[in-house]
Amino acid sequence: MKSFLKTENMVIDSHCHLNKIKQDLDTVLKNAKDNGVKYMLTICTELADVDEIKAITKKYNNVLCTFGIHPHEAENELLSVEQIMQFAKSMSAVAIGETGLDYFYDHSDRKQQKQSFKNHIIAASKLGLPLVVHTRDAEDDTIAILDEMRKQYDFKTIFHCFSSDIRLAEYAVKNDIYLSASGILTFKKSENVRDSFRLVPKNLLLVETDAPFLAPVPFRGKECEPVMTNNTLQTLADIHHTPVEDMARITTENFRRLFKNCIK
C-alpha cells in the first residue's frame, strides 16, 4: 500500500494531466483529497484532450481545466486567437495553455511554435485569464516574445514545471511571473533548480505534479498522481526554511489570487 505525505492545510496541484493518468481516477482523486490536495488544474495540450477533459471536469467538481496547444503540437494544430478563445469558453477554462516553446525536442517548426505562443497570449489577454507557459531550451525566445507581447497586451503568466536556469528565474521575479515547482525540484541532480527557487519570493510560488509525469522522490519511476504534490511542497518549504503547512497556505493563497478566487 502506498504511503503518501499529508497536509492539514489545503494544497492545490496547479498543473496535471488527469486524462493521461492510467490508474482509476476515482482512486487517484480520493488519494489526493484524503491527504490535503483538494483541487487540481488539469491541462489541455491538444485538441484530442478537449472532450476527455470536459468529461472529467463535469464528473469532479474539484477539478478545474485550461485550454491550450502544447508547442509539440503547434505545427499540426496552429489555432487562431478566435479558435483558442472559443475552445476555452466551451470548456469553462480558467487559464490558457499550456503553450510556449520547446527547442529541446523540436517536434514543431520553431516559427509555428512562436506564432502559436503569440496567439495564446492574445487570447489570454482578451479573456482575462492566466497564461500557462512551457519553455525548454528556449529561454531567449521566450523572454523576447513575452517582452514584445507585454507592450500591447496585459496578461498574467506562470512558468509551469520550472527547470530553467537562474537567469530565467530572475526575469520571472522582475516581471511578477509565477513559478510552479514540480517533482524535478526533489531530484538529486536538480540543485540548479533549487537555487532558482530560492530566489523566488513566496508570493510567486505554486506547486504541481505534471502528473502522470515526473513523479517526485521517493516515487521516481512510478506514475505520478496529484497526491504527490505534497512531496514537492515539502521540498519547496525546506528551501524557503518555512513550515510545510505555511507553504501549503501560501501556495494556495497564490493560486486563489492568480485565478481570481475560482475555488472556495
Foldseek 3Di string as FASTA:
>chain_A
DDDFAAFPEAAEAEEAALLPDPDDVVVLQVLQVVRRDQAYEHEAADPVCLVVLLVVCVVDVRYAYEEEHELLCQAVDVDALVVRLVSCVVSVHLAYDDAEDAPPVCNDDRVSSLNSRLSSQVNCQVVVHAYEYEDYPCQVVRVVSVVVVVVPGDHAYEDECDQDALVSLVVCQVVVHAYEHELLLQDPPRVRVLVNLLPHDLLRYHYHHRFQPNQHPPQPPHGDGGSSSLVRLVSSCVSNVHPSNVSSVSNVVSVCVNSVNPDD
